[in-house]
N, C-alpha and C. Protein backbone atom coordinates (compact mmCIF):
# COMPACT_ATOMS: atom_id res chain seq x y z
N UNK A 1 -131.41 37.74 -74.65
CA UNK A 1 -132.40 37.71 -73.34
C UNK A 1 -132.62 36.39 -73.10
N UNK A 2 -131.29 35.64 -72.63
CA UNK A 2 -130.71 34.19 -72.35
C UNK A 2 -131.60 33.91 -71.10
N UNK A 3 -132.25 35.29 -69.99
CA UNK A 3 -132.17 34.63 -68.60
C UNK A 3 -133.58 35.25 -68.86
N UNK A 4 -134.58 35.03 -69.77
CA UNK A 4 -136.49 34.82 -69.91
C UNK A 4 -136.51 33.90 -69.37
N UNK A 5 -137.55 34.16 -68.23
CA UNK A 5 -138.46 33.13 -67.47
C UNK A 5 -138.76 31.94 -68.43
N UNK A 6 -138.89 30.72 -67.73
CA UNK A 6 -140.06 30.19 -68.12
C UNK A 6 -140.37 28.93 -66.93
N UNK A 7 -141.68 28.96 -65.96
CA UNK A 7 -141.82 28.58 -65.10
C UNK A 7 -142.21 27.11 -65.63
N UNK A 8 -141.44 25.76 -64.54
CA UNK A 8 -142.25 24.73 -65.21
C UNK A 8 -143.31 24.53 -64.71
N UNK A 9 -144.82 23.57 -64.91
CA UNK A 9 -145.56 23.44 -64.94
C UNK A 9 -146.39 24.01 -66.33
N UNK A 10 -145.63 24.39 -66.73
CA UNK A 10 -146.71 25.35 -68.19
C UNK A 10 -146.09 24.69 -69.63
N UNK A 11 -146.81 24.80 -70.38
CA UNK A 11 -146.58 24.65 -71.95
C UNK A 11 -146.17 26.23 -72.68
N UNK A 12 -145.50 25.66 -73.48
CA UNK A 12 -144.94 26.79 -74.56
C UNK A 12 -144.76 26.60 -75.53
N UNK A 13 -145.27 27.84 -76.72
CA UNK A 13 -145.22 27.84 -78.20
C UNK A 13 -143.84 28.64 -78.35
N UNK A 14 -143.73 28.45 -79.44
CA UNK A 14 -142.34 29.27 -80.60
C UNK A 14 -143.12 30.63 -80.45
N UNK A 15 -144.35 30.45 -80.83
CA UNK A 15 -144.83 32.00 -81.08
C UNK A 15 -144.90 32.87 -79.46
N UNK A 16 -144.20 32.63 -78.67
CA UNK A 16 -144.17 32.93 -77.03
C UNK A 16 -145.68 33.42 -76.44
N UNK A 17 -146.73 32.02 -76.66
CA UNK A 17 -147.71 31.76 -75.92
C UNK A 17 -147.24 30.86 -74.71
N UNK A 18 -147.89 30.39 -73.70
CA UNK A 18 -148.14 29.42 -72.71
C UNK A 18 -149.43 29.09 -72.57
N UNK A 19 -149.53 27.76 -71.66
CA UNK A 19 -150.80 27.56 -71.34
C UNK A 19 -150.39 26.39 -70.01
N UNK A 20 -151.43 26.78 -69.11
CA UNK A 20 -151.20 25.77 -67.76
C UNK A 20 -152.72 25.20 -67.82
N UNK A 21 -152.97 24.12 -67.34
CA UNK A 21 -154.24 23.34 -67.83
C UNK A 21 -154.07 22.91 -66.23
N UNK A 22 -155.65 23.34 -65.64
CA UNK A 22 -155.96 22.99 -64.29
C UNK A 22 -157.27 22.02 -64.41
N UNK A 23 -156.93 20.97 -63.83
CA UNK A 23 -158.11 20.13 -64.18
C UNK A 23 -158.22 19.90 -65.59
N UNK A 24 -159.76 20.60 -65.91
CA UNK A 24 -160.43 20.20 -67.21
C UNK A 24 -160.52 22.18 -67.94
N UNK A 25 -159.60 22.95 -67.30
CA UNK A 25 -159.35 24.57 -67.39
C UNK A 25 -158.01 24.56 -68.24
N UNK A 26 -158.12 25.65 -69.43
CA UNK A 26 -156.59 26.03 -69.44
C UNK A 26 -156.45 27.35 -69.81
N UNK A 27 -155.80 27.78 -68.80
CA UNK A 27 -155.56 29.37 -69.10
C UNK A 27 -154.48 29.37 -70.29
N UNK A 28 -154.21 30.67 -70.86
CA UNK A 28 -153.11 31.12 -71.75
C UNK A 28 -153.08 32.31 -71.41
N UNK A 29 -151.51 32.60 -71.99
CA UNK A 29 -150.51 33.92 -71.71
C UNK A 29 -149.98 33.88 -72.46
N UNK A 30 -149.01 35.35 -72.56
CA UNK A 30 -147.79 35.49 -73.26
C UNK A 30 -146.82 35.31 -72.15
N UNK A 31 -145.97 34.40 -72.77
CA UNK A 31 -144.45 34.73 -72.31
C UNK A 31 -143.61 35.98 -71.87
N UNK A 32 -142.71 35.74 -70.65
CA UNK A 32 -142.27 36.96 -70.57
C UNK A 32 -140.90 36.95 -71.72
N UNK A 33 -140.40 36.22 -72.51
CA UNK A 33 -140.02 37.11 -73.87
C UNK A 33 -140.61 37.75 -74.35
N UNK A 34 -141.95 37.40 -74.88
CA UNK A 34 -143.24 38.10 -75.71
C UNK A 34 -143.32 39.30 -74.89
N UNK A 35 -143.47 39.75 -73.37
CA UNK A 35 -144.07 40.72 -73.39
C UNK A 35 -142.92 41.80 -72.96
N UNK A 36 -142.01 41.18 -72.65
CA UNK A 36 -140.26 42.13 -73.27
C UNK A 36 -140.12 42.12 -74.23
N UNK A 37 -140.39 41.79 -74.84
CA UNK A 37 -140.09 41.80 -76.48
C UNK A 37 -140.78 43.11 -77.38
N UNK A 38 -142.55 42.99 -77.20
CA UNK A 38 -143.31 43.88 -76.94
C UNK A 38 -143.35 45.63 -76.51
N UNK A 39 -142.83 45.20 -75.11
CA UNK A 39 -142.78 46.57 -74.39
C UNK A 39 -143.79 46.73 -73.81
N UNK A 40 -144.31 48.22 -73.07
CA UNK A 40 -145.60 48.47 -72.90
C UNK A 40 -146.76 47.89 -73.51
N UNK A 41 -147.60 46.97 -73.05
CA UNK A 41 -148.63 46.85 -73.42
C UNK A 41 -149.68 48.28 -73.07
N UNK A 42 -150.26 48.13 -74.14
CA UNK A 42 -151.48 49.27 -74.14
C UNK A 42 -153.04 48.77 -74.38
N UNK A 43 -152.71 47.98 -74.92
CA UNK A 43 -154.42 47.21 -75.53
C UNK A 43 -154.43 45.75 -75.98
N UNK A 44 -155.67 44.78 -75.25
CA UNK A 44 -155.46 43.75 -75.60
C UNK A 44 -156.95 43.59 -76.07
N UNK A 45 -157.56 43.06 -76.92
CA UNK A 45 -158.46 42.32 -77.94
C UNK A 45 -158.66 41.05 -77.85
N UNK A 46 -159.59 40.22 -77.09
CA UNK A 46 -159.89 39.08 -77.12
C UNK A 46 -161.16 38.15 -77.01
N UNK A 47 -161.51 37.08 -77.29
CA UNK A 47 -162.41 36.50 -78.07
C UNK A 47 -163.68 36.55 -76.68
N UNK A 48 -164.91 36.56 -77.21
CA UNK A 48 -165.89 36.59 -76.34
C UNK A 48 -165.51 34.75 -76.52
N UNK A 49 -166.46 34.79 -74.27
CA UNK A 49 -166.90 33.73 -74.15
C UNK A 49 -167.87 32.72 -74.71
N UNK A 50 -167.98 31.26 -75.44
CA UNK A 50 -168.62 30.61 -76.14
C UNK A 50 -167.88 30.47 -77.70
N UNK A 51 -166.73 30.87 -78.14
CA UNK A 51 -165.77 30.86 -79.26
C UNK A 51 -165.33 30.00 -79.43
N UNK A 52 -165.76 28.68 -80.18
CA UNK A 52 -164.66 27.55 -80.16
C UNK A 52 -163.23 27.87 -80.96
N UNK A 53 -162.08 27.68 -80.05
CA UNK A 53 -160.50 27.51 -80.74
C UNK A 53 -159.56 26.23 -81.18
N UNK A 54 -159.25 26.52 -82.37
CA UNK A 54 -158.61 25.54 -82.10
C UNK A 54 -157.01 25.91 -82.64
N UNK A 55 -156.19 25.13 -82.12
CA UNK A 55 -154.77 25.13 -81.72
C UNK A 55 -154.00 26.31 -82.83
N UNK A 56 -153.51 27.02 -82.74
CA UNK A 56 -152.94 27.61 -83.92
C UNK A 56 -153.87 28.49 -84.33
N UNK A 57 -155.33 29.28 -83.85
CA UNK A 57 -156.26 29.73 -84.23
C UNK A 57 -155.94 31.11 -83.39
N UNK A 58 -156.00 32.15 -84.31
CA UNK A 58 -155.93 33.65 -83.58
C UNK A 58 -156.88 34.19 -82.70
N UNK A 59 -156.63 34.15 -80.95
CA UNK A 59 -157.34 34.65 -80.14
C UNK A 59 -157.80 35.91 -80.31
N UNK A 60 -156.62 36.32 -80.26
CA UNK A 60 -156.67 38.19 -80.37
C UNK A 60 -155.72 38.71 -80.29
N UNK A 61 -155.35 39.97 -80.37
CA UNK A 61 -154.34 41.39 -80.48
C UNK A 61 -154.05 41.47 -79.17
N UNK A 62 -152.61 41.77 -79.50
CA UNK A 62 -152.04 42.82 -78.09
C UNK A 62 -151.19 43.88 -79.03
N UNK A 63 -151.67 44.95 -78.42
CA UNK A 63 -150.77 46.20 -78.98
C UNK A 63 -150.17 47.00 -77.82
N UNK A 64 -148.64 47.03 -78.17
CA UNK A 64 -148.13 47.77 -77.64
C UNK A 64 -147.63 48.76 -78.14
N UNK A 65 -146.40 49.78 -77.39
CA UNK A 65 -146.21 51.01 -77.84
C UNK A 65 -145.09 50.74 -79.05
N UNK A 66 -144.85 49.32 -78.88
CA UNK A 66 -143.59 49.12 -80.36
C UNK A 66 -144.24 47.95 -81.60
N UNK A 67 -145.92 47.46 -81.26
CA UNK A 67 -145.92 47.01 -82.40
C UNK A 67 -147.64 46.13 -81.86
N UNK A 68 -148.28 45.50 -83.01
CA UNK A 68 -149.75 44.90 -82.74
C UNK A 68 -149.18 43.68 -83.21
N UNK A 69 -149.83 42.62 -82.12
CA UNK A 69 -149.31 41.40 -82.62
C UNK A 69 -150.55 40.54 -82.22
N UNK A 70 -151.01 38.98 -82.94
CA UNK A 70 -152.15 38.53 -82.79
C UNK A 70 -151.58 36.90 -81.84
N UNK A 71 -152.42 37.09 -81.03
CA UNK A 71 -152.24 36.08 -79.40
C UNK A 71 -152.82 34.95 -80.57
N UNK A 72 -152.40 33.93 -80.65
CA UNK A 72 -152.39 32.61 -81.17
C UNK A 72 -152.71 31.54 -79.71
N UNK A 73 -153.67 30.43 -80.32
CA UNK A 73 -154.07 29.59 -78.73
C UNK A 73 -153.48 27.98 -78.92
N UNK A 74 -152.34 28.02 -77.66
CA UNK A 74 -151.55 26.45 -77.87
C UNK A 74 -152.37 25.28 -78.02
N UNK A 75 -153.84 25.58 -77.51
CA UNK A 75 -154.73 24.06 -77.84
C UNK A 75 -155.84 24.59 -78.06
N UNK A 76 -156.71 23.28 -78.83
CA UNK A 76 -157.71 23.57 -78.83
C UNK A 76 -159.07 23.61 -77.95
N UNK A 77 -160.09 24.28 -77.86
CA UNK A 77 -161.08 24.14 -77.02
C UNK A 77 -162.17 25.36 -76.66
N UNK A 78 -162.97 25.69 -75.84
CA UNK A 78 -164.05 26.38 -76.44
C UNK A 78 -163.49 27.54 -75.31
N UNK A 79 -163.88 29.04 -75.44
CA UNK A 79 -163.60 30.41 -74.69
C UNK A 79 -164.57 30.22 -73.39
N UNK A 80 -164.25 30.50 -72.02
CA UNK A 80 -165.39 30.40 -71.05
C UNK A 80 -165.00 31.36 -70.23
N UNK A 81 -163.69 31.94 -70.84
CA UNK A 81 -163.81 33.60 -69.65
C UNK A 81 -163.06 34.03 -70.26
N UNK A 82 -162.93 35.74 -69.89
CA UNK A 82 -161.85 36.31 -70.71
C UNK A 82 -161.60 37.35 -69.34
N UNK A 83 -159.75 37.29 -69.46
CA UNK A 83 -159.57 38.10 -68.16
C UNK A 83 -160.10 39.84 -68.51
N UNK A 84 -161.25 39.88 -67.59
CA UNK A 84 -161.75 41.75 -67.30
C UNK A 84 -161.01 42.13 -66.87
N UNK A 85 -160.13 42.50 -66.19
CA UNK A 85 -159.12 43.16 -65.92
C UNK A 85 -158.11 43.87 -67.09
N UNK A 86 -158.16 42.87 -67.89
CA UNK A 86 -156.91 43.59 -68.77
C UNK A 86 -157.79 44.59 -69.41
N UNK A 87 -158.89 44.91 -69.65
CA UNK A 87 -159.18 46.16 -70.51
C UNK A 87 -158.88 47.47 -69.93
N UNK A 88 -158.83 47.41 -68.56
CA UNK A 88 -158.69 49.14 -68.18
C UNK A 88 -156.78 48.78 -67.48
N UNK A 89 -156.16 47.82 -67.35
CA UNK A 89 -155.25 47.62 -67.28
C UNK A 89 -154.49 46.49 -67.87
N UNK A 90 -154.03 46.58 -69.41
CA UNK A 90 -153.35 45.64 -70.07
C UNK A 90 -152.09 45.69 -69.47
N UNK A 91 -151.30 46.51 -68.99
CA UNK A 91 -150.30 46.31 -68.67
C UNK A 91 -149.79 45.72 -67.25
N UNK A 92 -150.08 44.71 -66.37
CA UNK A 92 -150.32 43.54 -65.63
C UNK A 92 -149.64 42.98 -66.24
N UNK A 93 -149.99 42.41 -67.38
CA UNK A 93 -148.96 41.18 -68.32
C UNK A 93 -147.41 41.84 -68.46
N UNK A 94 -147.30 43.05 -68.55
CA UNK A 94 -145.58 43.11 -68.14
C UNK A 94 -145.12 43.03 -67.10
N UNK A 95 -145.94 43.24 -65.83
CA UNK A 95 -145.80 43.11 -64.60
C UNK A 95 -145.09 41.38 -63.97
N UNK A 96 -146.39 40.87 -64.63
CA UNK A 96 -146.79 39.39 -64.07
C UNK A 96 -147.15 38.27 -65.37
N UNK A 97 -146.29 38.79 -66.70
CA UNK A 97 -146.53 38.09 -67.74
C UNK A 97 -147.22 36.11 -67.49
N UNK A 98 -146.85 34.93 -65.87
CA UNK A 98 -146.70 33.69 -65.86
C UNK A 98 -148.50 34.14 -64.62
N UNK A 99 -148.59 35.21 -64.22
CA UNK A 99 -149.57 35.16 -63.15
C UNK A 99 -151.06 35.62 -64.31
N UNK A 100 -150.55 36.68 -65.13
CA UNK A 100 -151.54 37.21 -65.48
C UNK A 100 -152.03 36.36 -67.13
N UNK A 101 -152.97 35.52 -66.97
CA UNK A 101 -153.86 35.15 -67.72
C UNK A 101 -154.81 35.91 -68.58
N UNK A 102 -154.83 35.60 -70.19
CA UNK A 102 -155.87 36.52 -70.93
C UNK A 102 -156.91 35.61 -71.36
N UNK A 103 -156.58 34.31 -71.37
CA UNK A 103 -158.36 33.61 -72.01
C UNK A 103 -158.15 31.99 -71.31
N UNK A 104 -159.37 31.64 -70.48
CA UNK A 104 -159.79 30.19 -70.25
C UNK A 104 -159.80 29.34 -71.63
N UNK A 105 -160.17 28.09 -71.43
CA UNK A 105 -160.68 27.45 -72.37
C UNK A 105 -161.43 26.27 -71.61
N UNK A 106 -162.07 25.48 -72.55
CA UNK A 106 -162.72 24.74 -71.34
C UNK A 106 -162.96 23.62 -72.41
N UNK A 107 -163.16 22.11 -72.54
CA UNK A 107 -163.50 21.13 -73.59
C UNK A 107 -162.33 21.38 -73.87
N UNK A 108 -160.74 21.54 -73.46
CA UNK A 108 -159.62 21.38 -74.23
C UNK A 108 -159.06 20.21 -74.65
N UNK A 109 -158.67 19.70 -75.61
CA UNK A 109 -157.93 19.02 -76.28
C UNK A 109 -156.35 18.26 -75.46
N UNK A 110 -156.59 17.83 -74.28
CA UNK A 110 -155.03 17.68 -73.98
C UNK A 110 -153.92 16.90 -74.13
N UNK A 111 -154.27 15.71 -75.39
CA UNK A 111 -153.78 15.50 -76.25
C UNK A 111 -152.64 16.51 -77.26
N UNK A 112 -152.75 17.84 -77.54
CA UNK A 112 -152.37 18.85 -78.10
C UNK A 112 -151.02 19.31 -77.34
N UNK A 113 -151.07 19.05 -75.83
CA UNK A 113 -149.69 19.57 -75.29
C UNK A 113 -148.40 18.34 -75.38
N UNK A 114 -148.83 17.63 -75.62
CA UNK A 114 -147.14 16.79 -76.88
C UNK A 114 -147.17 17.43 -77.41
N UNK A 115 -147.49 18.56 -78.21
CA UNK A 115 -146.88 19.26 -79.58
C UNK A 115 -145.93 20.07 -78.85
N UNK A 116 -146.25 20.62 -77.51
CA UNK A 116 -145.54 22.03 -77.10
C UNK A 116 -144.29 21.88 -76.35
N UNK A 117 -143.63 23.26 -75.99
CA UNK A 117 -142.40 22.73 -75.36
C UNK A 117 -142.54 23.19 -73.89
N UNK A 118 -141.80 22.22 -73.14
CA UNK A 118 -141.67 22.36 -71.56
C UNK A 118 -141.25 23.47 -71.79
N UNK A 119 -140.68 24.20 -70.29
CA UNK A 119 -139.96 24.95 -69.70
C UNK A 119 -138.37 25.33 -70.08
N UNK A 120 -137.91 23.91 -69.91
CA UNK A 120 -136.61 23.88 -70.52
C UNK A 120 -136.53 23.70 -72.16
N UNK A 121 -137.06 23.27 -72.77
CA UNK A 121 -137.27 23.58 -73.72
C UNK A 121 -137.62 24.95 -75.05
N UNK A 122 -138.58 25.49 -73.77
CA UNK A 122 -138.72 26.92 -74.66
C UNK A 122 -136.89 27.55 -74.28
N UNK A 123 -136.94 27.30 -73.10
CA UNK A 123 -135.55 28.45 -72.79
C UNK A 123 -134.30 28.21 -73.93
N UNK A 124 -134.16 26.72 -74.23
CA UNK A 124 -133.12 26.54 -75.27
C UNK A 124 -133.45 26.98 -76.42
N UNK A 125 -135.10 27.62 -77.14
CA UNK A 125 -135.57 27.49 -78.03
C UNK A 125 -134.95 28.94 -77.79
N UNK A 126 -135.91 29.87 -76.86
CA UNK A 126 -135.39 31.55 -76.95
C UNK A 126 -134.16 31.77 -76.52
N UNK A 127 -133.07 30.72 -76.36
CA UNK A 127 -131.24 30.84 -76.05
C UNK A 127 -131.06 31.60 -77.57
N UNK A 128 -131.65 30.37 -78.38
CA UNK A 128 -130.50 30.61 -79.91
C UNK A 128 -131.46 31.83 -80.88
N UNK A 129 -132.44 32.53 -79.89
CA UNK A 129 -133.34 33.78 -81.21
C UNK A 129 -132.40 35.17 -80.66
N UNK A 130 -131.45 34.65 -79.78
CA UNK A 130 -130.66 35.88 -79.28
C UNK A 130 -129.05 36.05 -80.71
């Protein structure tokens, strides 16, 4: 999977989540590598707004035809919104993993971003998994 996509302007975890910061809000989703490994996504369980999340805490579960995996938060913050369209259309993550956010956090700890991978470092990390 050396041709895995990773977009600049996003931060990545070694567990294959991404975070994109927009002002004081962070959008979180899964990477192209993750959605490809999971296969067809059939269900996503996400937290309710108001929940306080710490970096590396579970945000919910993603189920596919192959497996069920936990989704982990790359940074700390408060869940302000979940992507409601994923309830009826979870497979949109397979089509557009970088355009399909799952959770929005506010009151984020931007200092934690320095511990995450850039697009170039993430691509390098993924290339070693082959």
